[in-house]
N, C-alpha and C. Protein backbone atom coordinates (compact mmCIF):
# COMPACT_ATOMS: atom_id res chain seq x y z
N MET A 1 -26.06 9.59 -36.62
CA MET A 1 -25.35 9.55 -35.58
C MET A 1 -25.16 10.93 -35.24
N SER A 2 -25.03 10.89 -33.60
CA SER A 2 -25.28 12.12 -32.87
C SER A 2 -23.75 12.90 -32.82
N GLU A 3 -23.69 14.03 -32.31
CA GLU A 3 -22.56 14.76 -32.15
C GLU A 3 -21.42 14.17 -31.28
N ALA A 4 -21.92 13.30 -30.36
CA ALA A 4 -21.16 12.99 -29.38
C ALA A 4 -20.68 11.58 -29.88
N GLN A 5 -21.14 11.10 -30.88
CA GLN A 5 -20.79 9.77 -31.54
C GLN A 5 -19.48 10.35 -32.64
N VAL A 6 -20.06 11.32 -33.32
CA VAL A 6 -19.01 11.71 -34.32
C VAL A 6 -17.70 12.11 -33.60
N ILE A 7 -17.67 12.70 -32.75
CA ILE A 7 -16.51 13.12 -31.84
C ILE A 7 -15.81 11.67 -31.38
N ALA A 8 -16.49 10.73 -30.76
CA ALA A 8 -15.92 9.49 -30.10
C ALA A 8 -15.33 8.88 -31.55
N LEU A 9 -15.82 8.72 -32.73
CA LEU A 9 -15.41 8.02 -33.65
C LEU A 9 -14.15 8.76 -34.53
N ASN A 10 -14.16 10.11 -34.14
CA ASN A 10 -13.06 10.76 -34.79
C ASN A 10 -12.52 11.77 -33.80
N PRO A 11 -11.57 11.36 -32.97
CA PRO A 11 -11.10 12.13 -31.91
C PRO A 11 -9.88 12.99 -32.14
N GLY A 12 -9.28 12.62 -33.36
CA GLY A 12 -8.05 13.95 -34.00
C GLY A 12 -7.14 13.72 -32.79
N PRO A 13 -6.03 14.71 -32.62
CA PRO A 13 -4.95 14.71 -31.89
C PRO A 13 -5.29 14.47 -30.37
N LEU A 14 -4.65 13.60 -29.84
CA LEU A 14 -5.05 13.07 -28.26
C LEU A 14 -4.48 14.27 -27.26
N ASN A 15 -4.63 15.53 -27.46
CA ASN A 15 -3.94 16.30 -26.48
C ASN A 15 -4.87 16.17 -25.23
N PRO A 16 -4.60 16.97 -24.04
CA PRO A 16 -5.23 16.31 -22.56
C PRO A 16 -6.66 16.81 -22.91
N GLY A 17 -6.82 18.05 -23.69
CA GLY A 17 -8.05 18.53 -23.81
C GLY A 17 -9.16 17.96 -24.70
N ARG A 18 -8.51 17.52 -25.60
CA ARG A 18 -9.26 16.55 -26.68
C ARG A 18 -9.53 15.33 -26.12
N ARG A 19 -8.78 14.79 -25.28
CA ARG A 19 -8.82 13.41 -24.73
C ARG A 19 -10.10 13.65 -23.80
N ALA A 20 -9.97 14.21 -23.01
CA ALA A 20 -11.21 14.83 -21.93
C ALA A 20 -12.37 14.61 -22.59
N GLN A 21 -12.48 15.37 -23.87
CA GLN A 21 -13.73 15.79 -24.72
C GLN A 21 -14.12 14.45 -25.00
N THR A 22 -13.10 13.74 -25.59
CA THR A 22 -13.49 12.31 -26.15
C THR A 22 -14.33 11.27 -25.18
N LYS A 23 -13.57 11.42 -23.94
CA LYS A 23 -14.04 10.48 -22.89
C LYS A 23 -15.41 10.94 -22.71
N ALA A 24 -16.02 12.17 -22.48
CA ALA A 24 -16.86 12.84 -22.08
C ALA A 24 -18.20 12.15 -23.21
N ALA A 25 -17.62 12.50 -24.35
CA ALA A 25 -18.63 12.13 -25.54
C ALA A 25 -18.87 10.51 -25.66
N ASN A 26 -17.81 9.68 -25.40
CA ASN A 26 -18.18 8.52 -25.15
C ASN A 26 -18.97 8.01 -24.22
N ARG A 27 -18.88 8.35 -23.14
CA ARG A 27 -19.67 8.31 -21.60
C ARG A 27 -20.98 8.52 -22.30
N LEU A 28 -21.16 9.68 -22.84
CA LEU A 28 -22.48 10.21 -23.16
C LEU A 28 -23.12 9.53 -24.31
N ALA A 29 -22.41 8.98 -25.41
CA ALA A 29 -23.09 8.01 -26.32
C ALA A 29 -23.45 6.94 -25.67
N ILE A 30 -22.63 6.21 -24.72
CA ILE A 30 -23.08 4.91 -24.20
C ILE A 30 -24.42 5.08 -23.47
N LEU A 31 -24.42 6.19 -22.53
CA LEU A 31 -25.42 6.65 -21.51
C LEU A 31 -27.06 6.56 -22.45
N GLU A 32 -26.64 7.54 -23.47
CA GLU A 32 -27.90 7.65 -24.44
C GLU A 32 -28.43 6.40 -24.95
N ALA A 33 -27.23 5.62 -25.54
CA ALA A 33 -27.63 4.41 -26.21
C ALA A 33 -28.32 3.27 -25.10
N ALA A 34 -27.71 3.61 -23.81
CA ALA A 34 -28.54 2.50 -22.87
C ALA A 34 -29.82 3.02 -22.50
N ARG A 35 -30.29 4.27 -22.59
CA ARG A 35 -31.59 4.62 -22.07
C ARG A 35 -32.35 4.41 -23.11
N GLY A 36 -32.01 4.29 -24.43
CA GLY A 36 -33.20 3.99 -25.61
C GLY A 36 -33.33 2.31 -25.57
N VAL A 37 -32.11 1.78 -25.22
CA VAL A 37 -32.54 0.25 -25.27
C VAL A 37 -33.06 -0.31 -24.25
N PHE A 38 -32.75 0.30 -23.04
CA PHE A 38 -33.72 -0.19 -21.76
C PHE A 38 -35.10 0.45 -21.73
N SER A 39 -35.35 1.18 -22.48
CA SER A 39 -36.62 1.85 -22.79
C SER A 39 -37.36 0.70 -23.73
N GLU A 40 -36.96 0.47 -24.70
CA GLU A 40 -37.35 -0.52 -25.70
C GLU A 40 -37.51 -1.86 -25.25
N MET A 41 -36.65 -2.42 -24.62
CA MET A 41 -36.30 -3.69 -24.27
C MET A 41 -36.68 -3.99 -22.83
N GLY A 42 -36.65 -3.31 -22.15
CA GLY A 42 -36.72 -3.53 -20.31
C GLY A 42 -35.27 -3.80 -20.23
N TYR A 43 -34.93 -3.57 -18.69
CA TYR A 43 -33.71 -3.51 -18.20
C TYR A 43 -33.47 -5.13 -18.19
N GLU A 44 -34.06 -6.07 -17.64
CA GLU A 44 -33.74 -7.50 -17.75
C GLU A 44 -33.46 -8.21 -19.09
N ALA A 45 -34.13 -7.60 -19.99
CA ALA A 45 -33.92 -8.30 -21.51
C ALA A 45 -32.91 -7.64 -22.27
N THR A 46 -32.47 -6.33 -21.81
CA THR A 46 -31.24 -5.87 -22.71
C THR A 46 -29.78 -6.65 -22.55
N PRO A 47 -29.41 -6.84 -23.66
CA PRO A 47 -27.91 -7.46 -23.56
C PRO A 47 -27.03 -6.33 -23.71
N VAL A 48 -25.83 -6.34 -23.33
CA VAL A 48 -24.82 -5.33 -23.44
C VAL A 48 -24.35 -5.01 -24.79
N ARG A 49 -24.68 -6.17 -25.69
CA ARG A 49 -24.24 -6.03 -27.01
C ARG A 49 -25.10 -4.81 -28.07
N ASP A 50 -26.41 -5.07 -27.39
CA ASP A 50 -27.26 -3.95 -28.13
C ASP A 50 -27.08 -2.84 -27.54
N ILE A 51 -26.63 -2.46 -26.27
CA ILE A 51 -26.29 -0.88 -26.00
C ILE A 51 -25.04 -0.57 -26.66
N ILE A 52 -24.05 -1.36 -27.10
CA ILE A 52 -22.86 -1.29 -27.86
C ILE A 52 -23.27 -0.68 -29.24
N ARG A 53 -24.02 -1.56 -29.79
CA ARG A 53 -24.40 -1.29 -31.23
C ARG A 53 -25.08 -0.10 -31.17
N ARG A 54 -26.04 0.46 -30.53
CA ARG A 54 -26.66 1.59 -30.33
C ARG A 54 -25.70 2.82 -30.40
N SER A 55 -24.58 2.72 -29.44
CA SER A 55 -23.63 3.52 -29.05
C SER A 55 -22.97 3.98 -30.16
N GLY A 56 -22.56 3.18 -31.39
CA GLY A 56 -21.56 3.41 -32.16
C GLY A 56 -20.33 3.34 -31.94
N LEU A 57 -20.16 2.71 -30.82
CA LEU A 57 -18.55 2.37 -30.33
C LEU A 57 -18.21 0.88 -30.45
N SER A 58 -16.94 0.86 -30.32
CA SER A 58 -16.30 -0.60 -30.47
C SER A 58 -16.83 -1.30 -29.06
N VAL A 59 -16.46 -2.66 -29.03
CA VAL A 59 -16.57 -3.37 -27.90
C VAL A 59 -15.54 -2.99 -26.93
N GLY A 60 -14.32 -2.52 -27.17
CA GLY A 60 -13.37 -2.25 -26.67
C GLY A 60 -13.51 -0.95 -25.77
N ALA A 61 -14.08 -0.07 -26.71
CA ALA A 61 -14.17 1.19 -26.19
C ALA A 61 -15.24 1.07 -25.21
N PHE A 62 -16.59 0.29 -25.20
CA PHE A 62 -17.10 0.25 -24.04
C PHE A 62 -16.60 -0.15 -23.03
N TYR A 63 -16.03 -1.29 -23.14
CA TYR A 63 -15.45 -1.84 -21.86
C TYR A 63 -14.27 -1.02 -21.09
N ASN A 64 -14.10 0.16 -21.84
CA ASN A 64 -12.80 1.03 -21.24
C ASN A 64 -13.75 2.00 -20.04
N TYR A 65 -15.13 1.86 -20.37
CA TYR A 65 -15.95 2.77 -19.43
C TYR A 65 -16.86 2.11 -18.26
N TYR A 66 -17.26 0.85 -18.82
CA TYR A 66 -18.10 0.23 -18.17
C TYR A 66 -17.79 -1.48 -18.26
N ARG A 67 -18.16 -2.06 -17.09
CA ARG A 67 -17.70 -3.34 -17.03
C ARG A 67 -19.05 -4.17 -17.48
N SER A 68 -20.36 -3.51 -17.19
CA SER A 68 -21.66 -4.48 -17.50
C SER A 68 -22.78 -3.43 -17.58
N LYS A 69 -23.59 -4.00 -17.88
CA LYS A 69 -25.03 -3.10 -18.22
C LYS A 69 -25.54 -2.33 -16.38
N GLU A 70 -25.11 -3.35 -15.65
CA GLU A 70 -25.54 -2.66 -14.24
C GLU A 70 -24.66 -1.49 -14.06
N GLU A 71 -23.37 -1.55 -14.34
CA GLU A 71 -22.59 -0.27 -14.12
C GLU A 71 -23.45 0.83 -14.99
N VAL A 72 -24.02 0.68 -16.24
CA VAL A 72 -24.20 1.38 -17.14
C VAL A 72 -25.65 2.13 -16.35
N TYR A 73 -26.59 1.40 -15.72
CA TYR A 73 -27.66 1.72 -15.22
C TYR A 73 -27.36 2.53 -13.94
N GLN A 74 -26.21 2.24 -13.19
CA GLN A 74 -26.01 2.99 -11.83
C GLN A 74 -25.55 4.34 -12.38
N ALA A 75 -24.85 4.44 -13.71
CA ALA A 75 -24.32 5.72 -14.16
C ALA A 75 -25.52 6.62 -14.33
N LEU A 76 -26.57 5.91 -14.76
CA LEU A 76 -27.78 6.82 -15.42
C LEU A 76 -28.42 7.25 -14.34
N ALA A 77 -28.42 6.61 -13.01
CA ALA A 77 -28.95 6.64 -11.77
C ALA A 77 -28.07 7.67 -11.16
N ASP A 78 -27.00 7.64 -11.19
CA ASP A 78 -26.22 8.73 -10.39
C ASP A 78 -26.02 10.06 -11.27
N ASP A 79 -26.30 9.89 -12.65
CA ASP A 79 -26.55 11.19 -13.29
C ASP A 79 -27.95 11.92 -12.80
N GLY A 80 -28.87 11.25 -12.67
CA GLY A 80 -30.40 11.73 -12.21
C GLY A 80 -30.18 12.38 -10.84
N ALA A 81 -29.44 11.48 -9.99
CA ALA A 81 -29.37 12.19 -8.35
C ALA A 81 -28.59 13.29 -8.56
N HIS A 82 -27.49 13.50 -9.21
CA HIS A 82 -26.63 14.81 -9.48
C HIS A 82 -27.48 15.95 -9.86
N ARG A 83 -28.25 15.53 -11.09
CA ARG A 83 -29.16 16.79 -11.59
C ARG A 83 -30.26 17.33 -10.54
N PHE A 84 -30.97 16.26 -9.71
CA PHE A 84 -31.99 16.57 -8.71
C PHE A 84 -31.24 17.23 -7.72
N ARG A 85 -30.31 16.76 -7.41
CA ARG A 85 -29.39 17.66 -6.06
C ARG A 85 -29.30 19.13 -6.22
N LEU A 86 -28.96 19.34 -7.48
CA LEU A 86 -28.84 21.02 -7.76
C LEU A 86 -30.20 21.58 -7.68
N ILE A 87 -31.34 20.84 -8.26
CA ILE A 87 -32.42 21.25 -8.13
C ILE A 87 -32.98 21.75 -6.54
N LEU A 88 -32.56 20.65 -5.79
CA LEU A 88 -33.05 20.73 -4.24
C LEU A 88 -32.32 21.65 -3.50
N ARG A 89 -31.08 21.91 -3.98
CA ARG A 89 -30.37 23.28 -3.47
C ARG A 89 -30.98 24.48 -3.82
N ALA A 90 -31.29 25.01 -5.17
CA ALA A 90 -32.10 25.76 -5.45
C ALA A 90 -33.37 26.07 -4.61
N GLU A 91 -34.03 25.01 -4.61
CA GLU A 91 -35.37 25.23 -3.65
C GLU A 91 -35.04 25.59 -2.31
N TYR A 92 -34.13 25.06 -1.69
CA TYR A 92 -33.66 25.32 -0.44
C TYR A 92 -33.55 26.92 -0.25
N GLU A 93 -32.71 27.34 -1.12
CA GLU A 93 -32.39 28.98 -1.06
C GLU A 93 -33.64 29.65 -1.42
N LYS A 94 -34.53 29.34 -2.01
CA LYS A 94 -36.00 29.96 -2.16
C LYS A 94 -36.89 29.73 -1.18
N ALA A 95 -36.75 28.87 -0.52
CA ALA A 95 -37.77 28.70 0.71
C ALA A 95 -37.77 29.42 1.83
N GLY A 96 -38.78 29.60 2.26
CA GLY A 96 -38.90 30.38 3.73
C GLY A 96 -38.68 29.78 5.19
N ASP A 97 -40.07 29.45 5.34
CA ASP A 97 -40.09 28.56 6.67
C ASP A 97 -39.80 26.89 6.11
N PHE A 98 -40.00 26.17 7.26
CA PHE A 98 -39.78 24.99 7.25
C PHE A 98 -40.91 24.11 6.13
N HIS A 99 -41.84 24.25 6.51
CA HIS A 99 -43.18 24.14 5.81
C HIS A 99 -43.06 24.26 4.21
N GLY A 100 -42.69 25.45 3.88
CA GLY A 100 -42.38 25.66 2.49
C GLY A 100 -41.24 24.98 2.04
N PHE A 101 -40.00 24.78 2.61
CA PHE A 101 -39.14 24.04 2.07
C PHE A 101 -39.65 22.76 1.77
N LEU A 102 -40.26 22.06 2.85
CA LEU A 102 -40.72 20.65 2.63
C LEU A 102 -41.47 20.53 1.43
N ARG A 103 -42.59 21.32 1.45
CA ARG A 103 -43.27 21.35 0.18
C ARG A 103 -42.62 21.27 -1.05
N ALA A 104 -41.84 22.34 -1.17
CA ALA A 104 -41.19 22.56 -2.28
C ALA A 104 -40.05 21.60 -2.68
N ALA A 105 -39.57 20.98 -1.67
CA ALA A 105 -38.75 20.01 -2.02
C ALA A 105 -39.29 18.62 -2.44
N LEU A 106 -40.58 18.29 -2.03
CA LEU A 106 -41.46 17.01 -2.47
C LEU A 106 -41.99 17.32 -3.59
N PHE A 107 -42.51 18.61 -3.93
CA PHE A 107 -43.08 18.79 -5.40
C PHE A 107 -42.16 18.74 -6.60
N ALA A 108 -40.44 19.25 -6.15
CA ALA A 108 -39.80 19.26 -6.90
C ALA A 108 -39.49 17.96 -7.41
N PHE A 109 -39.22 16.95 -6.21
CA PHE A 109 -39.02 15.56 -6.58
C PHE A 109 -39.92 14.84 -7.34
N PHE A 110 -41.07 14.99 -6.99
CA PHE A 110 -42.22 14.56 -7.73
C PHE A 110 -42.15 14.81 -9.19
N SER A 111 -42.05 16.18 -9.46
CA SER A 111 -41.93 16.74 -10.67
C SER A 111 -40.84 16.07 -11.57
N PHE A 112 -39.53 15.87 -10.83
CA PHE A 112 -38.34 15.55 -11.50
C PHE A 112 -38.57 14.09 -11.90
N GLN A 113 -39.35 13.31 -11.00
CA GLN A 113 -39.53 12.05 -11.26
C GLN A 113 -40.35 11.71 -12.63
N VAL A 114 -41.32 12.62 -12.91
CA VAL A 114 -42.19 12.54 -13.82
C VAL A 114 -41.43 12.98 -15.36
N SER A 115 -40.79 13.96 -15.19
CA SER A 115 -39.77 14.33 -16.21
C SER A 115 -38.70 13.39 -16.76
N GLU A 116 -38.07 12.56 -15.56
CA GLU A 116 -37.49 11.30 -15.96
C GLU A 116 -38.35 10.23 -16.67
N HIS A 117 -39.38 10.02 -16.25
CA HIS A 117 -40.25 9.26 -16.73
C HIS A 117 -40.68 9.32 -18.31
N GLU A 118 -41.03 10.58 -18.30
CA GLU A 118 -41.44 11.01 -19.68
C GLU A 118 -40.03 10.77 -20.55
N ALA A 119 -39.02 11.30 -20.11
CA ALA A 119 -37.77 11.15 -20.90
C ALA A 119 -37.45 9.57 -21.42
N TRP A 120 -37.68 8.71 -20.66
CA TRP A 120 -37.74 7.35 -20.92
C TRP A 120 -39.03 6.98 -22.17
N GLN A 121 -40.07 7.59 -21.76
CA GLN A 121 -41.26 6.93 -22.53
C GLN A 121 -41.12 7.52 -23.73
N THR A 122 -40.38 8.43 -24.08
CA THR A 122 -40.30 8.88 -25.21
C THR A 122 -39.56 7.99 -26.42
N GLN A 123 -38.90 7.05 -25.62
CA GLN A 123 -38.34 6.08 -26.44
C GLN A 123 -39.21 4.81 -26.59
N ARG A 124 -40.43 4.76 -26.55
CA ARG A 124 -41.28 3.73 -26.53
C ARG A 124 -42.43 4.53 -27.36
N PRO A 125 -42.72 4.54 -28.57
CA PRO A 125 -43.83 5.17 -29.44
C PRO A 125 -45.25 4.51 -28.93
N SER A 126 -45.33 3.38 -28.59
CA SER A 126 -46.27 2.32 -28.03
C SER A 126 -46.91 2.51 -27.06
N GLY A 127 -46.07 3.51 -26.06
CA GLY A 127 -46.45 3.88 -24.71
C GLY A 127 -46.48 2.86 -23.97
N GLU A 128 -45.95 1.74 -24.33
CA GLU A 128 -45.75 0.54 -23.20
C GLU A 128 -44.84 1.17 -22.02
N ARG A 129 -45.17 0.78 -20.84
CA ARG A 129 -44.41 1.50 -19.82
C ARG A 129 -42.99 0.53 -19.27
N LEU A 130 -41.82 0.88 -19.80
CA LEU A 130 -40.72 0.23 -19.63
C LEU A 130 -39.66 0.89 -18.89
N HIS A 131 -40.06 2.04 -18.28
CA HIS A 131 -38.97 2.70 -17.43
C HIS A 131 -38.48 2.00 -16.29
N PRO A 132 -37.36 1.34 -16.43
CA PRO A 132 -36.68 0.40 -15.14
C PRO A 132 -36.90 0.96 -13.81
N GLN A 133 -37.68 0.48 -12.94
CA GLN A 133 -38.06 0.70 -11.77
C GLN A 133 -37.06 -0.03 -10.70
N ILE A 134 -35.55 0.18 -10.76
CA ILE A 134 -34.76 -0.67 -10.00
C ILE A 134 -34.02 0.30 -8.84
N ARG A 135 -33.82 -0.12 -7.84
CA ARG A 135 -33.20 0.56 -6.80
C ARG A 135 -31.69 0.52 -6.60
N VAL A 136 -30.93 1.27 -7.03
CA VAL A 136 -29.55 1.16 -6.85
C VAL A 136 -29.13 2.28 -5.80
N GLU A 137 -27.94 1.91 -5.38
CA GLU A 137 -27.33 2.98 -4.31
C GLU A 137 -26.18 3.49 -4.74
N THR A 138 -26.01 4.45 -5.44
CA THR A 138 -24.75 5.27 -6.05
C THR A 138 -24.28 6.44 -5.03
N PRO A 139 -22.99 6.84 -5.57
CA PRO A 139 -22.59 7.98 -4.66
C PRO A 139 -23.18 9.15 -4.59
N GLU A 140 -24.16 9.48 -5.99
CA GLU A 140 -24.60 10.75 -5.95
C GLU A 140 -25.96 10.45 -5.26
N GLN A 141 -26.61 9.58 -5.27
CA GLN A 141 -27.76 9.15 -4.31
C GLN A 141 -27.13 9.13 -2.87
N PHE A 142 -26.33 8.79 -2.35
CA PHE A 142 -25.76 8.98 -0.87
C PHE A 142 -25.51 10.44 -0.77
N ALA A 143 -24.97 11.38 -1.79
CA ALA A 143 -24.88 12.66 -1.82
C ALA A 143 -26.00 13.26 -1.35
N VAL A 144 -27.13 12.97 -2.01
CA VAL A 144 -28.70 13.37 -2.07
C VAL A 144 -29.01 13.54 -0.51
N PHE A 145 -28.89 12.24 0.06
CA PHE A 145 -29.33 11.92 1.39
C PHE A 145 -28.80 12.95 2.38
N GLU A 146 -27.42 12.91 2.11
CA GLU A 146 -26.45 13.97 2.93
C GLU A 146 -26.74 15.35 2.58
N GLU A 147 -27.16 15.71 1.47
CA GLU A 147 -27.78 16.91 1.23
C GLU A 147 -28.96 17.36 1.96
N VAL A 148 -29.71 16.52 2.00
CA VAL A 148 -31.26 16.82 2.53
C VAL A 148 -30.90 16.75 4.04
N LYS A 149 -30.09 15.81 4.62
CA LYS A 149 -29.95 15.87 6.02
C LYS A 149 -29.22 17.02 6.43
N ALA A 150 -28.13 17.52 5.84
CA ALA A 150 -27.76 18.86 6.20
C ALA A 150 -28.58 20.11 6.15
N LEU A 151 -29.31 20.19 5.19
CA LEU A 151 -30.57 21.21 4.99
C LEU A 151 -31.27 21.14 6.21
N LEU A 152 -31.69 19.92 6.37
CA LEU A 152 -32.84 19.60 7.67
C LEU A 152 -32.09 20.04 8.95
N VAL A 153 -30.87 19.60 9.16
CA VAL A 153 -29.92 20.05 10.48
C VAL A 153 -30.00 21.44 10.57
N ASP A 154 -29.68 22.26 9.32
CA ASP A 154 -29.44 23.81 9.28
C ASP A 154 -30.80 24.62 9.79
N ARG A 155 -31.77 23.89 9.15
CA ARG A 155 -33.27 24.27 9.64
C ARG A 155 -33.46 24.38 11.12
N ILE A 156 -33.11 22.81 11.50
CA ILE A 156 -33.49 22.72 13.04
C ILE A 156 -32.76 23.51 13.67
N ALA A 157 -31.39 23.61 13.53
CA ALA A 157 -30.44 24.63 14.30
C ALA A 157 -30.92 26.27 14.30
N ARG A 158 -31.38 26.39 13.51
CA ARG A 158 -31.90 27.81 13.48
C ARG A 158 -33.41 27.81 14.06
N GLY A 159 -33.84 26.95 14.28
CA GLY A 159 -35.17 26.95 15.00
C GLY A 159 -36.32 27.19 14.17
N LEU A 160 -35.94 26.75 12.96
CA LEU A 160 -37.27 26.87 11.84
C LEU A 160 -37.91 25.37 11.64
N ALA A 161 -37.51 24.28 12.35
CA ALA A 161 -38.05 23.40 12.27
C ALA A 161 -38.03 22.42 13.59
N PRO A 162 -38.71 21.56 13.78
CA PRO A 162 -38.95 20.65 15.21
C PRO A 162 -37.38 20.26 15.41
N LYS A 163 -37.23 19.93 16.43
CA LYS A 163 -35.80 19.58 17.08
C LYS A 163 -35.99 18.18 16.91
N VAL A 164 -35.93 17.26 16.30
CA VAL A 164 -36.13 15.76 16.05
C VAL A 164 -34.92 15.32 15.51
N ASP A 165 -34.70 13.75 15.29
CA ASP A 165 -33.55 13.33 15.08
C ASP A 165 -33.41 13.48 13.29
N ALA A 166 -32.52 14.34 12.84
CA ALA A 166 -32.50 14.72 11.55
C ALA A 166 -32.05 13.49 10.80
N ASP A 167 -31.29 12.49 11.43
CA ASP A 167 -31.05 11.35 10.21
C ASP A 167 -32.51 10.38 10.15
N TYR A 168 -32.95 10.26 11.11
CA TYR A 168 -34.22 9.42 10.96
C TYR A 168 -35.14 10.39 10.05
N LEU A 169 -35.09 11.48 10.38
CA LEU A 169 -36.14 12.25 9.61
C LEU A 169 -36.09 12.34 8.21
N THR A 170 -34.59 12.61 7.55
CA THR A 170 -34.00 12.43 6.38
C THR A 170 -34.59 11.05 5.65
N ALA A 171 -34.16 9.90 6.37
CA ALA A 171 -34.60 8.61 5.98
C ALA A 171 -36.40 8.55 5.76
N ALA A 172 -36.90 9.05 6.75
CA ALA A 172 -38.40 8.89 6.42
C ALA A 172 -38.81 9.58 5.30
N CYS A 173 -38.48 10.81 5.31
CA CYS A 173 -39.03 11.75 3.81
C CYS A 173 -38.52 11.15 3.03
N ILE A 174 -36.99 10.71 2.63
CA ILE A 174 -36.86 10.16 1.27
C ILE A 174 -37.70 8.90 0.99
N GLY A 175 -37.74 7.77 2.13
CA GLY A 175 -38.53 6.35 1.93
C GLY A 175 -39.91 7.13 1.60
N VAL A 176 -40.62 7.85 2.10
CA VAL A 176 -41.95 8.27 1.68
C VAL A 176 -42.22 8.65 0.28
N ALA A 177 -41.11 9.59 -0.14
CA ALA A 177 -40.98 10.30 -1.50
C ALA A 177 -40.91 8.98 -2.35
N ARG A 178 -39.96 8.35 -2.03
CA ARG A 178 -39.69 7.28 -3.13
C ARG A 178 -40.78 6.27 -3.36
N GLU A 179 -41.45 5.85 -2.46
CA GLU A 179 -42.60 5.01 -2.52
C GLU A 179 -43.76 5.62 -3.22
N LEU A 180 -44.08 6.70 -2.89
CA LEU A 180 -45.27 7.32 -3.28
C LEU A 180 -44.92 8.02 -4.91
N SER A 181 -43.90 8.04 -5.33
CA SER A 181 -43.36 8.38 -6.57
C SER A 181 -43.68 7.11 -7.29
N ASP A 182 -43.18 5.73 -6.85
CA ASP A 182 -43.42 4.59 -7.79
C ASP A 182 -45.00 4.50 -8.02
N ARG A 183 -45.64 4.59 -6.91
CA ARG A 183 -47.14 4.65 -7.20
C ARG A 183 -47.72 5.80 -7.90
N MET A 184 -47.34 6.92 -7.91
CA MET A 184 -47.54 8.07 -8.61
C MET A 184 -47.79 7.75 -10.18
N LEU A 185 -46.37 7.17 -10.61
CA LEU A 185 -46.23 6.80 -12.12
C LEU A 185 -47.12 5.98 -12.73
N ALA A 186 -47.30 4.90 -11.71
CA ALA A 186 -48.21 4.06 -12.25
C ALA A 186 -49.78 4.18 -12.29
N ARG A 187 -50.01 5.47 -11.88
CA ARG A 187 -51.52 5.90 -12.01
C ARG A 187 -51.53 6.90 -13.35
N ARG A 188 -52.82 7.03 -13.84
CA ARG A 188 -53.26 7.80 -14.79
C ARG A 188 -54.38 8.39 -14.39
N PRO A 189 -54.75 9.59 -14.52
CA PRO A 189 -53.47 10.73 -14.72
C PRO A 189 -52.42 10.69 -13.81
N ILE A 190 -51.00 11.02 -13.86
CA ILE A 190 -50.16 11.48 -12.93
C ILE A 190 -50.40 12.81 -12.29
N ASP A 191 -50.67 12.71 -11.04
CA ASP A 191 -50.92 13.93 -10.20
C ASP A 191 -49.92 14.39 -9.40
N VAL A 192 -49.04 15.32 -9.78
CA VAL A 192 -47.83 15.88 -8.92
C VAL A 192 -48.50 16.47 -7.59
N GLU A 193 -49.31 17.36 -7.97
CA GLU A 193 -49.90 18.11 -6.85
C GLU A 193 -50.69 17.23 -5.65
N ALA A 194 -51.37 16.50 -5.98
CA ALA A 194 -52.19 15.60 -5.12
C ALA A 194 -50.95 14.71 -4.29
N THR A 195 -49.95 14.16 -5.25
CA THR A 195 -48.80 13.32 -4.36
C THR A 195 -48.31 14.13 -3.43
N THR A 196 -47.77 15.28 -4.06
CA THR A 196 -47.15 16.22 -2.80
C THR A 196 -48.06 16.53 -1.67
N GLN A 197 -49.23 16.45 -1.90
CA GLN A 197 -50.19 17.35 -0.49
C GLN A 197 -49.95 16.04 0.40
N PHE A 198 -50.15 14.79 -0.33
CA PHE A 198 -50.37 13.61 0.62
C PHE A 198 -49.08 13.30 1.26
N ALA A 199 -47.95 13.62 0.68
CA ALA A 199 -46.34 13.12 1.24
C ALA A 199 -46.42 14.32 2.38
N LEU A 200 -46.82 15.42 2.16
CA LEU A 200 -46.81 16.44 2.99
C LEU A 200 -47.30 16.33 4.24
N LEU A 201 -48.75 16.08 4.26
CA LEU A 201 -49.62 15.92 5.24
C LEU A 201 -49.03 14.58 6.33
N MET A 202 -48.78 13.53 5.23
CA MET A 202 -47.99 12.37 6.05
C MET A 202 -46.84 12.80 6.97
N ILE A 203 -46.12 13.18 6.45
CA ILE A 203 -44.65 13.82 6.99
C ILE A 203 -44.89 14.74 8.12
N LYS A 204 -45.53 15.76 7.79
CA LYS A 204 -45.95 16.77 8.79
C LYS A 204 -46.82 16.22 10.17
N GLY A 205 -47.92 15.26 9.73
CA GLY A 205 -48.75 14.75 10.73
C GLY A 205 -47.69 13.76 11.56
N GLY A 206 -46.88 13.23 11.02
CA GLY A 206 -46.25 12.13 11.86
C GLY A 206 -45.24 12.81 12.73
N LEU A 207 -44.43 14.26 12.13
CA LEU A 207 -43.59 14.84 12.85
C LEU A 207 -44.17 15.27 13.86
N ASP A 208 -45.12 15.58 14.24
CA ASP A 208 -46.07 16.25 15.35
C ASP A 208 -45.87 15.16 16.57
N ALA A 209 -45.93 13.99 16.15
CA ALA A 209 -46.00 13.02 17.02
C ALA A 209 -44.57 12.30 17.77
N LEU A 210 -43.49 12.83 16.77
CA LEU A 210 -42.17 12.53 17.26
C LEU A 210 -41.53 13.08 18.51
N PRO A 211 -40.89 12.27 19.08
CA PRO A 211 -40.10 13.18 20.62
C PRO A 211 -39.12 13.96 20.05
N ARG A 212 -39.26 15.04 20.88
CA ARG A 212 -37.98 16.13 20.65
C ARG A 212 -36.64 15.66 21.28
N LEU A 213 -35.68 16.03 20.89
CA LEU A 213 -34.45 15.77 21.20
C LEU A 213 -34.26 16.76 22.41
N GLY A 214 -33.75 16.04 23.45
CA GLY A 214 -33.60 16.94 24.78
C GLY A 214 -34.65 16.83 25.67
N ASP A 215 -35.73 16.28 25.10
CA ASP A 215 -36.79 15.99 26.13
C ASP A 215 -36.54 14.92 27.26
């Protein structure tokens, strides 16, 4: 039994600090259980009862936090988006010119996707690929979009990037990255560098042909 589950099953006095710790531990236990069950059984074949059983919590405790396996998966996706947003911010602070930032952001995204894929795969000793490839839109994923857009707007405003429609450019960059990521993870060997280079050339090449704002 994990430390999170021990805390969840033995909450002790329910003072405000302890209550917050218990809630966090319960959520963590559910998400860890769901990641394992989704990996072993596949998303569509996973019943909620198997997630509950793996978490070590009661049925009532589970439904205090999530109403369905869809909500659990959305929480996993939200967590991943939040962690990537922190990485993206760090890459922006290190980057110099626009080309450098775009390349660093793409490489960071593809590397992050590989690490997430491998985390799911550790649940499958057989090596069968059951990492759910399900598109969901969560608050943190919207936040990633807005973060990327804000960073591009900043670069454009400072004259470090072509003056094009930042909203469309953000959507195009994220769309290219998402689709190429899915294809990259399906290939063997997985090649982050080659995928980054392809995405960079596609985006940069198309960017040169876009109309400039104000022209």
